[in-house]
Amino acid sequence: MTTTVSILIAFGVYLLGMIGIGIWSLRQTKGADDFFLGGRGLSAPVAAMSAQASDMSGWLLMGLPGSVYALGTGQAWIAVGLGLGTIANWLIIARPLRAYTIVAGNSMTLPEFFGNRYHDEKKILLGISSVIIVIFFLVYTASALASGGKLFNTVFGLDYHIALFLGAAVILIYTFMGGFLAVCSTDFFQGLLMLIAILAVPVLTWGFVGGDFHNMLANTGVNPDNYLSFTYNGDHPITAVEIISNMAWGLGYCGMPHILIRFMAIRSEKELKKSSAIAIVWVVLSLGFTIAIGLLGRAFLYPEILGVTEGAPSAESVFIEMIQKVFIEKIPIPLIAGLFICGILAAVMSTADSQLLVCSSSVSKDIYQNILNPEASDKKVLNVARMTTFGVAVVAFFIAWDPNSSIMDLVSDAWAGLGAAFGPLVVMSLFWRRTNLPGAVAGLVSGAATVLIWDYLPIVNGQTIGNATGIYSLLVGFVISLFFIVIVSMVTKAPDETILAQFDEYKKYEEKDM
């Protein structure tokens, strides 16, 4: 059996398994509540693995190790920020958000929660939130599809555009059929597969580089001491601005709808505590070993230097190249290589499916049912959700069309927009009783607008502000959004008694559920 055939078999079994889960989930999905939240019945392991798998995406196994491979340990500050952000999200945000969404009209989406939290009868928050989600999640979904395209292109030599189509088609099929339950069930298995691959490959690679690692690095054109130092970023000492900007990635967690929705869907408080422990262990292990992949790959793959050697793949393919070298050249078990490469595909699919679902829920539930057609039947909303899922996938497909697009850049832009728009409002909605509707609107608009201006308008000598200053737009947008929420809430009318009473009810419910 040839290497290519073995890898194809592994891919085929994996992809058919994901579609099979979609068919099973289709039978369990009876209405819109099941499609969007799985009936609030997620168990602890499924909720934890699904949240983390949908969070990390192809960025974890392609974007991050590629950056570390190219520039060294200084790029690990992003991982530190994300690790701290994940821990804070599970320990501080998860329980209150689950409780408040139940008290606030059993809200099924983040925009619906905002509307119910502030008794927004004109549905201003619903509209603004939904538009923000669609804009930034299109970019986010495109990053995941681009990861899949690059994977198939690197492994099989397929044309990037054909590879892009194949990956998008499978994700669309099972998300279209089974909705949230299919997404979470597939994410559970994908999260396990990702973790096994992340742990196994660097451990085996270390056996091949071992004590020669330092000397082998020197042969690749880098200064080993600087390359392995947290105080250097590439060829220069890392600056305070770079460290703060990288750490600021962690602020995005409390504003990510595709992660927060898992908190809303967990079965009980008891399951939530188990989920928190599982998720925190998963993310610490995954981030730590992913950094090791980037560092070890630099020495292990030499004399090929990815992204520099003529004809070599980009640095973002370092994990794929390591898997192939370990399990095809060093330890010839191509079937294992195929399964581990499926781990990268799992990372891609686990995020893309969640992003498709969040987009479809925003359009069908928040815009169509809650704004345009409040009398729409449950079946009609479900049909609109499935049609939207298809439409979003098509648009994201064309955004990802350029094979030279950077996964890291696409994820960075989307993460900043969602984190700056929603993060501060989620925090203030849960913990500040005085927050009101005008303040919420001001926070959403100012956060999203700041990121768009910072990252996309070339207003500083032909450069964007982000490129000119090196400051991550999420940090600036988060602070500005928080400022506007507080100031506007304080200078406008206080929330009425019904809103305050609901806030007090949520606090009592949260304490009772502990």
Protein backbone atom coordinates (compact mmCIF):
# COMPACT_ATOMS: atom_id res chain seq x y z
CA MET A 1 0.00 0.00 0.00
CA THR A 2 1.54 3.32 -1.06
CA THR A 3 1.97 6.27 1.28
CA THR A 4 -0.54 8.39 -0.62
CA VAL A 5 -3.16 5.63 -0.55
CA SER A 6 -2.71 5.15 3.21
CA ILE A 7 -3.15 8.85 3.87
CA LEU A 8 -6.17 8.96 1.56
CA ILE A 9 -7.77 6.06 3.46
CA ALA A 10 -7.25 7.87 6.77
CA PHE A 11 -8.76 11.04 5.35
CA GLY A 12 -11.68 9.16 3.82
CA VAL A 13 -12.56 7.36 7.04
CA TYR A 14 -12.30 10.59 9.01
CA LEU A 15 -14.44 12.66 6.66
CA LEU A 16 -17.09 9.95 6.33
CA GLY A 17 -17.19 9.72 10.12
CA MET A 18 -17.89 13.44 10.41
CA ILE A 19 -20.70 13.21 7.86
CA GLY A 20 -22.08 10.19 9.73
CA ILE A 21 -22.27 12.27 12.91
CA GLY A 22 -24.13 14.92 10.92
CA ILE A 23 -26.71 12.33 9.80
CA TRP A 24 -27.15 11.10 13.39
CA SER A 25 -27.53 14.68 14.64
CA LEU A 26 -30.13 15.40 11.95
CA ARG A 27 -32.41 12.83 13.58
CA GLN A 28 -31.91 14.44 16.99
CA THR A 29 -32.57 17.97 15.77
CA LYS A 30 -36.31 18.57 16.07
CA GLY A 31 -36.47 22.36 16.01
CA ALA A 32 -34.62 25.67 16.16
CA ASP A 33 -33.75 25.30 19.85
CA ASP A 34 -31.97 22.03 19.11
CA PHE A 35 -30.28 23.49 15.99
CA PHE A 36 -28.89 26.53 17.85
CA LEU A 37 -28.22 25.24 21.39
CA GLY A 38 -28.70 21.47 21.37
CA GLY A 39 -31.55 21.85 23.86
CA ARG A 40 -29.06 23.07 26.52
CA GLY A 41 -28.02 19.48 27.05
CA LEU A 42 -24.24 19.41 26.56
CA SER A 43 -22.26 17.15 28.88
CA ALA A 44 -19.02 18.36 30.48
CA PRO A 45 -16.55 16.62 28.13
CA VAL A 46 -18.45 17.59 24.97
CA ALA A 47 -18.85 21.22 26.07
CA ALA A 48 -15.18 21.55 27.03
CA MET A 49 -13.69 19.86 23.99
CA SER A 50 -16.11 21.56 21.65
CA ALA A 51 -15.36 25.02 23.04
CA GLN A 52 -11.60 24.57 22.82
CA ALA A 53 -11.57 22.82 19.45
CA SER A 54 -13.80 25.50 17.92
CA ASP A 55 -11.63 28.17 19.51
CA MET A 56 -8.18 27.13 18.36
CA SER A 57 -8.81 26.19 14.73
CA GLY A 58 -6.15 25.89 12.05
CA TRP A 59 -4.46 28.83 13.76
CA LEU A 60 -3.27 26.54 16.57
CA LEU A 61 -1.65 23.97 14.28
CA MET A 62 -0.64 26.21 11.38
CA GLY A 63 -0.63 29.91 12.27
CA LEU A 64 1.02 29.76 15.73
CA PRO A 65 3.69 27.11 15.03
CA GLY A 66 4.44 28.91 11.75
CA SER A 67 5.09 32.17 13.60
CA VAL A 68 7.25 30.45 16.22
CA TYR A 69 9.13 28.55 13.50
CA ALA A 70 9.91 31.79 11.66
CA LEU A 71 10.62 34.16 14.57
CA GLY A 72 11.30 32.09 17.66
CA THR A 73 10.05 31.85 21.24
CA GLY A 74 9.15 35.54 21.38
CA GLN A 75 5.98 34.66 19.47
CA ALA A 76 4.87 32.55 22.46
CA TRP A 77 3.54 35.65 24.23
CA ILE A 78 0.39 35.24 22.16
CA ALA A 79 -0.03 31.75 23.59
CA VAL A 80 0.50 33.08 27.12
CA GLY A 81 -2.24 35.67 26.59
CA LEU A 82 -4.60 33.11 25.09
CA GLY A 83 -3.96 30.64 27.90
CA LEU A 84 -4.73 33.23 30.57
CA GLY A 85 -7.77 34.42 28.61
CA THR A 86 -9.14 30.88 28.35
CA ILE A 87 -8.75 30.27 32.08
CA ALA A 88 -10.44 33.57 32.95
CA ASN A 89 -13.27 32.90 30.50
CA TRP A 90 -14.13 29.53 32.03
CA LEU A 91 -13.72 30.61 35.66
CA ILE A 92 -15.25 34.11 35.51
CA ILE A 93 -17.61 34.36 32.53
CA ALA A 94 -19.06 30.88 31.97
CA ARG A 95 -21.32 30.43 35.00
CA PRO A 96 -22.79 33.96 35.07
CA LEU A 97 -23.46 33.93 31.33
CA ARG A 98 -25.22 30.57 31.48
CA ALA A 99 -27.40 31.78 34.36
CA TYR A 100 -28.27 35.16 32.85
CA THR A 101 -29.19 33.77 29.42
CA ILE A 102 -31.65 31.41 31.12
CA VAL A 103 -33.22 34.19 33.21
CA ALA A 104 -33.25 36.64 30.27
CA GLY A 105 -35.90 34.88 28.21
CA ASN A 106 -33.93 31.66 27.66
CA SER A 107 -31.76 33.48 25.12
CA MET A 108 -30.32 31.22 22.42
CA THR A 109 -27.78 33.60 20.83
CA LEU A 110 -25.53 36.37 22.10
CA PRO A 111 -27.43 39.15 20.24
CA GLU A 112 -30.71 37.82 21.63
CA PHE A 113 -29.22 37.90 25.13
CA PHE A 114 -28.21 41.54 24.71
CA GLY A 115 -31.69 42.41 23.52
CA ASN A 116 -33.37 40.60 26.44
CA ARG A 117 -30.85 41.90 28.99
CA TYR A 118 -31.57 45.55 28.15
CA HIS A 119 -35.27 45.10 27.19
CA ASP A 120 -34.45 46.48 23.76
CA GLU A 121 -37.96 46.74 22.29
CA LYS A 122 -36.70 48.50 19.15
CA LYS A 123 -34.20 45.65 18.64
CA ILE A 124 -31.30 48.00 18.02
CA LEU A 125 -28.82 45.71 19.78
CA LEU A 126 -30.06 42.70 17.87
CA GLY A 127 -29.47 44.41 14.55
CA ILE A 128 -26.04 45.87 15.36
CA SER A 129 -24.77 42.68 16.99
CA SER A 130 -25.91 40.52 14.11
CA VAL A 131 -24.25 42.73 11.50
CA ILE A 132 -20.97 42.70 13.46
CA ILE A 133 -21.10 38.91 13.72
CA VAL A 134 -21.72 38.44 10.01
CA ILE A 135 -18.92 40.84 8.99
CA PHE A 136 -16.18 39.45 11.21
CA PHE A 137 -17.24 35.81 11.12
CA LEU A 138 -17.08 35.83 7.34
CA VAL A 139 -13.39 36.70 7.67
CA TYR A 140 -12.95 34.15 10.49
CA THR A 141 -14.62 31.37 8.50
CA ALA A 142 -12.48 32.27 5.50
CA SER A 143 -9.33 31.78 7.61
CA ALA A 144 -10.46 28.26 8.51
CA LEU A 145 -11.29 27.38 4.92
CA ALA A 146 -7.91 28.75 3.81
CA SER A 147 -6.23 26.47 6.37
CA GLY A 148 -8.03 23.49 4.88
CA GLY A 149 -7.06 24.46 1.37
CA LYS A 150 -3.39 24.81 2.28
CA LEU A 151 -3.47 21.47 4.07
CA PHE A 152 -4.82 19.53 1.09
CA ASN A 153 -2.49 21.42 -1.22
CA THR A 154 0.59 20.57 0.86
CA VAL A 155 -0.26 16.91 1.50
CA PHE A 156 -1.69 15.83 -1.83
CA GLY A 157 -0.41 18.49 -4.21
CA LEU A 158 -3.98 19.36 -5.11
CA ASP A 159 -4.70 22.71 -6.67
CA TYR A 160 -5.42 25.10 -3.78
CA HIS A 161 -8.86 26.01 -5.11
CA ILE A 162 -9.94 22.39 -5.52
CA ALA A 163 -8.66 21.66 -2.02
CA LEU A 164 -10.56 24.67 -0.69
CA PHE A 165 -13.77 23.37 -2.23
CA LEU A 166 -13.40 19.85 -0.80
CA GLY A 167 -12.85 21.05 2.76
CA ALA A 168 -15.69 23.56 2.61
CA ALA A 169 -18.09 20.96 1.19
CA VAL A 170 -17.63 18.46 4.03
CA ILE A 171 -17.95 21.12 6.75
CA LEU A 172 -21.08 22.48 5.10
CA ILE A 173 -22.73 19.05 4.83
CA TYR A 174 -22.66 18.08 8.50
CA THR A 175 -23.30 21.60 9.82
CA PHE A 176 -26.24 22.00 7.43
CA MET A 177 -27.79 18.72 8.59
CA GLY A 178 -27.27 18.64 12.33
CA GLY A 179 -26.68 22.20 13.52
CA PHE A 180 -25.28 22.75 17.01
CA LEU A 181 -25.47 19.10 18.09
CA ALA A 182 -23.55 17.96 15.01
CA VAL A 183 -20.99 20.72 15.50
CA CYS A 184 -20.38 19.90 19.18
CA SER A 185 -20.33 16.13 18.65
CA THR A 186 -17.82 16.37 15.82
CA ASP A 187 -15.79 18.93 17.77
CA PHE A 188 -15.48 16.48 20.68
CA PHE A 189 -13.75 13.89 18.51
CA GLN A 190 -11.80 16.55 16.64
CA GLY A 191 -10.51 18.00 19.92
CA LEU A 192 -9.26 14.59 21.05
CA LEU A 193 -7.55 13.95 17.72
CA MET A 194 -5.92 17.39 17.78
CA LEU A 195 -4.54 16.82 21.29
CA ILE A 196 -3.10 13.37 20.49
CA ALA A 197 -1.32 14.74 17.41
CA ILE A 198 -0.03 17.82 19.26
CA LEU A 199 1.45 15.70 22.06
CA ALA A 200 2.88 12.84 19.99
CA VAL A 201 4.74 14.62 17.19
CA PRO A 202 7.03 16.94 19.23
CA VAL A 203 7.83 14.13 21.69
CA LEU A 204 8.93 11.83 18.86
CA THR A 205 10.74 14.68 17.10
CA TRP A 206 12.76 15.40 20.23
CA GLY A 207 14.03 11.84 20.03
CA PHE A 208 15.57 12.66 16.65
CA VAL A 209 17.10 16.06 17.49
CA GLY A 210 17.77 15.48 21.21
CA GLY A 211 20.99 16.91 22.58
CA ASP A 212 22.03 18.34 19.20
CA PHE A 213 19.04 20.69 19.11
CA HIS A 214 21.03 23.83 19.98
CA ASN A 215 23.74 23.15 17.39
CA MET A 216 21.20 22.14 14.76
CA LEU A 217 19.42 25.47 15.24
CA ALA A 218 22.66 27.32 14.58
CA ASN A 219 22.84 25.68 11.15
CA THR A 220 19.45 27.13 10.15
CA GLY A 221 20.66 30.75 10.13
CA VAL A 222 19.40 31.87 13.54
CA ASN A 223 21.14 32.72 16.81
CA PRO A 224 19.99 29.86 19.07
CA ASP A 225 20.17 31.95 22.25
CA ASN A 226 17.97 34.68 20.78
CA TYR A 227 15.70 32.22 18.99
CA LEU A 228 14.93 30.39 22.25
CA SER A 229 14.49 33.57 24.29
CA PHE A 230 11.19 35.17 25.29
CA THR A 231 12.96 38.54 25.06
CA TYR A 232 13.62 38.37 21.30
CA ASN A 233 11.21 38.55 18.40
CA GLY A 234 13.04 37.38 15.30
CA ASP A 235 16.27 39.36 14.92
CA HIS A 236 15.51 42.13 17.43
CA PRO A 237 14.85 42.43 21.17
CA ILE A 238 11.12 42.22 21.80
CA THR A 239 9.53 45.51 22.81
CA ALA A 240 6.98 46.21 25.53
CA VAL A 241 4.45 47.11 22.83
CA GLU A 242 4.91 43.71 21.17
CA ILE A 243 4.49 41.83 24.46
CA ILE A 244 1.40 43.80 25.48
CA SER A 245 -0.16 43.46 22.04
CA ASN A 246 0.45 39.71 21.97
CA MET A 247 -0.88 39.25 25.51
CA ALA A 248 -3.95 41.29 24.53
CA TRP A 249 -5.16 38.36 22.42
CA GLY A 250 -6.50 36.95 25.68
CA LEU A 251 -9.02 39.80 25.96
CA GLY A 252 -10.88 38.43 22.96
CA TYR A 253 -12.27 35.36 24.72
CA CYS A 254 -15.10 37.06 26.55
CA GLY A 255 -16.43 38.34 23.22
CA MET A 256 -16.31 35.23 21.03
CA PRO A 257 -19.90 34.12 20.25
CA HIS A 258 -18.85 30.64 19.05
CA ILE A 259 -17.17 29.98 22.42
CA LEU A 260 -19.70 31.72 24.66
CA ILE A 261 -22.56 29.74 23.16
CA ARG A 262 -21.03 26.57 24.65
CA PHE A 263 -21.36 28.08 28.12
CA MET A 264 -25.02 28.80 27.41
CA ALA A 265 -25.65 25.22 26.28
CA ILE A 266 -24.09 23.27 29.18
CA ARG A 267 -26.54 20.96 30.94
CA SER A 268 -25.98 22.05 34.56
CA GLU A 269 -23.70 23.86 36.98
CA LYS A 270 -22.15 20.53 37.96
CA GLU A 271 -21.25 19.82 34.34
CA LEU A 272 -19.88 23.35 33.99
CA LYS A 273 -17.31 22.78 36.74
CA LYS A 274 -16.11 19.59 35.04
CA SER A 275 -15.98 21.37 31.68
CA SER A 276 -13.79 24.13 33.11
CA ALA A 277 -11.19 21.67 34.39
CA ILE A 278 -11.09 19.70 31.12
CA ALA A 279 -10.86 22.84 28.98
CA ILE A 280 -8.08 24.44 31.02
CA VAL A 281 -5.92 21.30 30.94
CA TRP A 282 -6.53 20.93 27.19
CA VAL A 283 -5.53 24.48 26.36
CA VAL A 284 -2.39 24.53 28.53
CA LEU A 285 -1.13 21.29 26.98
CA SER A 286 -2.08 22.30 23.44
CA LEU A 287 -0.48 25.74 23.50
CA GLY A 288 2.69 24.52 25.17
CA PHE A 289 3.28 21.63 22.79
CA THR A 290 2.34 23.73 19.74
CA ILE A 291 5.12 26.16 20.60
CA ALA A 292 7.45 23.16 20.83
CA ILE A 293 6.35 22.10 17.34
CA GLY A 294 7.45 25.44 15.89
CA LEU A 295 10.81 25.42 17.68
CA LEU A 296 11.69 21.77 17.04
CA GLY A 297 10.55 21.99 13.44
CA ARG A 298 13.22 24.58 12.66
CA ALA A 299 16.01 22.12 13.48
CA PHE A 300 14.26 18.90 12.49
CA LEU A 301 13.36 19.92 8.94
CA TYR A 302 16.77 21.41 8.09
CA PRO A 303 18.30 21.74 5.46
CA GLU A 304 14.89 22.78 4.18
CA ILE A 305 13.85 26.16 5.61
CA LEU A 306 10.15 26.66 5.09
CA GLY A 307 9.14 29.92 3.47
CA VAL A 308 12.73 30.66 2.44
CA THR A 309 14.04 27.62 0.55
CA GLU A 310 12.97 27.84 -3.07
CA GLY A 311 9.89 25.72 -3.72
CA ALA A 312 9.38 24.94 -0.01
CA PRO A 313 5.94 25.34 1.60
CA SER A 314 5.21 28.34 3.81
CA ALA A 315 6.22 28.32 7.48
CA GLU A 316 2.56 27.71 8.37
CA SER A 317 2.97 24.16 7.01
CA VAL A 318 5.63 23.21 9.59
CA PHE A 319 3.43 20.75 11.49
CA ILE A 320 2.32 19.00 8.31
CA GLU A 321 5.94 18.68 7.16
CA MET A 322 7.02 17.31 10.55
CA ILE A 323 4.27 14.66 10.56
CA GLN A 324 5.25 13.51 7.10
CA LYS A 325 8.96 13.36 7.93
CA VAL A 326 8.40 11.45 11.20
CA PHE A 327 5.84 8.93 10.00
CA ILE A 328 6.91 8.51 6.39
CA GLU A 329 10.71 8.89 6.48
CA LYS A 330 11.78 8.14 10.07
CA ILE A 331 9.05 5.77 11.29
CA PRO A 332 7.28 4.62 8.12
CA ILE A 333 3.68 4.27 9.29
CA PRO A 334 1.82 6.35 6.68
CA LEU A 335 -1.58 5.50 8.13
CA ILE A 336 -0.59 7.25 11.37
CA ALA A 337 0.67 10.19 9.31
CA GLY A 338 -2.75 10.37 7.68
CA LEU A 339 -4.56 10.27 11.01
CA PHE A 340 -2.37 13.00 12.52
CA ILE A 341 -2.75 15.20 9.46
CA CYS A 342 -6.47 14.68 10.02
CA GLY A 343 -5.81 16.30 13.40
CA ILE A 344 -4.93 19.50 11.55
CA LEU A 345 -8.00 19.11 9.39
CA ALA A 346 -9.95 18.63 12.63
CA ALA A 347 -8.68 21.97 13.89
CA VAL A 348 -9.84 23.63 10.70
CA MET A 349 -13.25 21.99 10.61
CA SER A 350 -14.00 22.43 14.32
CA THR A 351 -13.76 26.20 13.99
CA ALA A 352 -15.32 26.63 10.57
CA ASP A 353 -18.44 24.67 11.55
CA SER A 354 -18.94 26.77 14.68
CA GLN A 355 -18.48 29.99 12.75
CA LEU A 356 -21.00 28.90 10.13
CA LEU A 357 -23.50 28.10 12.87
CA VAL A 358 -23.05 31.43 14.66
CA CYS A 359 -23.51 33.32 11.38
CA SER A 360 -26.61 31.34 10.45
CA SER A 361 -28.13 31.81 13.90
CA SER A 362 -27.53 35.57 13.76
CA VAL A 363 -29.26 35.86 10.40
CA SER A 364 -32.12 33.39 10.93
CA LYS A 365 -32.86 33.83 14.63
CA ASP A 366 -31.79 37.39 15.37
CA ILE A 367 -32.47 39.19 12.10
CA TYR A 368 -35.17 37.09 10.39
CA GLN A 369 -37.29 35.92 13.33
CA ASN A 370 -36.65 38.58 15.96
CA ILE A 371 -36.69 41.60 13.62
CA LEU A 372 -38.21 40.86 10.23
CA ASN A 373 -40.76 38.11 10.91
CA PRO A 374 -41.59 37.63 14.62
CA GLU A 375 -44.46 35.28 13.70
CA ALA A 376 -42.20 32.86 11.80
CA SER A 377 -42.73 29.23 12.73
CA ASP A 378 -39.99 27.13 14.28
CA LYS A 379 -39.71 25.12 11.07
CA LYS A 380 -39.37 28.27 8.97
CA VAL A 381 -36.57 29.60 11.19
CA LEU A 382 -34.79 26.25 10.92
CA ASN A 383 -35.03 26.34 7.11
CA VAL A 384 -33.70 29.91 6.99
CA ALA A 385 -30.81 28.85 9.27
CA ARG A 386 -29.82 26.06 6.90
CA MET A 387 -30.04 28.31 3.86
CA THR A 388 -27.94 30.93 5.63
CA THR A 389 -25.34 28.31 6.51
CA PHE A 390 -24.95 27.57 2.82
CA GLY A 391 -24.80 31.25 1.85
CA VAL A 392 -22.18 32.13 4.46
CA ALA A 393 -20.01 29.19 3.38
CA VAL A 394 -20.10 30.37 -0.24
CA VAL A 395 -19.09 33.95 0.64
CA ALA A 396 -16.29 32.77 2.97
CA PHE A 397 -15.10 30.44 0.20
CA PHE A 398 -14.50 33.40 -2.11
CA ILE A 399 -12.84 35.47 0.63
CA ALA A 400 -10.37 32.58 1.08
CA TRP A 401 -9.79 32.28 -2.69
CA ASP A 402 -6.31 33.86 -2.60
CA PRO A 403 -3.81 31.05 -1.81
CA ASN A 404 -1.32 33.64 -0.51
CA SER A 405 -3.65 34.89 2.21
CA SER A 406 -2.15 34.60 5.70
CA ILE A 407 -4.09 32.47 8.18
CA MET A 408 -2.54 34.45 11.04
CA ASP A 409 -3.61 37.80 9.58
CA LEU A 410 -7.18 36.69 8.85
CA VAL A 411 -7.63 35.26 12.35
CA SER A 412 -6.04 38.34 13.93
CA ASP A 413 -8.46 40.72 12.20
CA ALA A 414 -11.58 38.69 12.99
CA TRP A 415 -10.54 38.01 16.59
CA ALA A 416 -9.93 41.71 17.20
CA GLY A 417 -13.27 42.80 15.76
CA LEU A 418 -15.36 40.31 17.72
CA GLY A 419 -13.39 40.72 20.95
CA ALA A 420 -13.49 44.52 20.93
CA ALA A 421 -17.18 44.73 20.03
CA PHE A 422 -18.61 42.03 22.31
CA GLY A 423 -16.04 41.44 25.06
CA PRO A 424 -16.52 44.63 27.09
CA LEU A 425 -20.31 44.46 26.76
CA VAL A 426 -20.45 40.84 27.93
CA VAL A 427 -18.36 41.71 30.99
CA MET A 428 -20.36 44.82 31.88
CA SER A 429 -23.69 43.11 31.22
CA LEU A 430 -22.85 40.38 33.71
CA PHE A 431 -21.15 42.41 36.43
CA TRP A 432 -22.33 46.04 36.32
CA ARG A 433 -25.96 46.59 37.24
CA ARG A 434 -25.94 50.22 36.04
CA THR A 435 -25.15 49.40 32.39
CA ASN A 436 -28.00 50.61 30.18
CA LEU A 437 -29.16 50.34 26.58
CA PRO A 438 -27.45 53.52 25.25
CA GLY A 439 -24.20 52.42 26.87
CA ALA A 440 -24.50 48.96 25.32
CA VAL A 441 -25.07 50.42 21.85
CA ALA A 442 -22.14 52.82 22.26
CA GLY A 443 -19.87 49.96 23.34
CA LEU A 444 -20.75 47.73 20.39
CA VAL A 445 -20.37 50.45 17.77
CA SER A 446 -17.18 52.01 19.18
CA GLY A 447 -15.43 48.65 19.62
CA ALA A 448 -16.16 47.40 16.11
CA ALA A 449 -15.48 50.78 14.50
CA THR A 450 -12.13 51.15 16.24
CA VAL A 451 -10.89 47.82 14.86
CA LEU A 452 -12.09 48.61 11.33
CA ILE A 453 -10.39 52.03 11.38
CA TRP A 454 -7.23 50.75 13.10
CA ASP A 455 -6.68 47.78 10.80
CA TYR A 456 -8.10 48.79 7.44
CA LEU A 457 -7.76 52.55 6.82
CA PRO A 458 -4.28 53.65 5.58
CA ILE A 459 -4.33 57.05 7.26
CA VAL A 460 -0.72 57.26 8.61
CA ASN A 461 1.59 57.94 5.68
CA GLY A 462 -0.13 55.27 3.63
CA GLN A 463 -0.13 52.79 6.50
CA THR A 464 -2.87 51.65 8.83
CA ILE A 465 -2.58 52.81 12.44
CA GLY A 466 -2.00 49.21 13.47
CA ASN A 467 0.98 48.80 11.15
CA ALA A 468 2.40 52.20 12.06
CA THR A 469 2.22 51.70 15.84
CA GLY A 470 2.49 47.92 16.19
CA ILE A 471 -0.34 48.00 18.75
CA TYR A 472 -2.93 45.26 18.33
CA SER A 473 -6.33 46.73 17.47
CA LEU A 474 -8.11 44.44 19.96
CA LEU A 475 -6.39 46.15 22.89
CA VAL A 476 -7.34 49.64 21.69
CA GLY A 477 -10.85 48.65 20.68
CA PHE A 478 -11.51 46.87 23.97
CA VAL A 479 -10.44 49.89 26.05
CA ILE A 480 -12.43 52.35 23.91
CA SER A 481 -15.55 50.17 24.00
CA LEU A 482 -15.29 49.82 27.77
CA PHE A 483 -14.86 53.59 28.12
CA PHE A 484 -17.95 54.35 26.05
CA ILE A 485 -20.10 51.80 27.89
CA VAL A 486 -19.26 53.36 31.25
CA ILE A 487 -19.45 57.03 30.23
CA VAL A 488 -22.62 56.78 28.14
CA SER A 489 -24.36 54.65 30.78
CA MET A 490 -23.49 57.20 33.48
CA VAL A 491 -24.66 60.30 31.55
CA THR A 492 -27.93 58.77 30.35
CA LYS A 493 -31.00 57.54 32.19
CA ALA A 494 -30.49 54.67 34.61
CA PRO A 495 -32.03 51.27 33.73
CA ASP A 496 -35.69 50.99 34.74
CA GLU A 497 -36.84 48.85 37.63
CA THR A 498 -37.79 45.84 35.49
CA ILE A 499 -34.25 45.60 34.12
CA LEU A 500 -32.74 45.97 37.58
CA ALA A 501 -35.15 43.36 38.97
CA GLN A 502 -34.12 40.92 36.25
CA PHE A 503 -30.45 41.54 37.08
CA ASP A 504 -31.16 40.76 40.74
CA GLU A 505 -33.07 37.64 39.73
CA TYR A 506 -30.13 36.45 37.68
CA LYS A 507 -27.79 36.95 40.64
CA LYS A 508 -30.07 34.86 42.86
CA TYR A 509 -30.36 32.17 40.18
CA GLU A 510 -26.58 32.07 39.80
CA GLU A 511 -26.05 31.67 43.54
CA LYS A 512 -28.74 28.99 43.74
CA ASP A 513 -27.14 27.06 40.90
CA MET A 514 -23.70 27.01 42.55
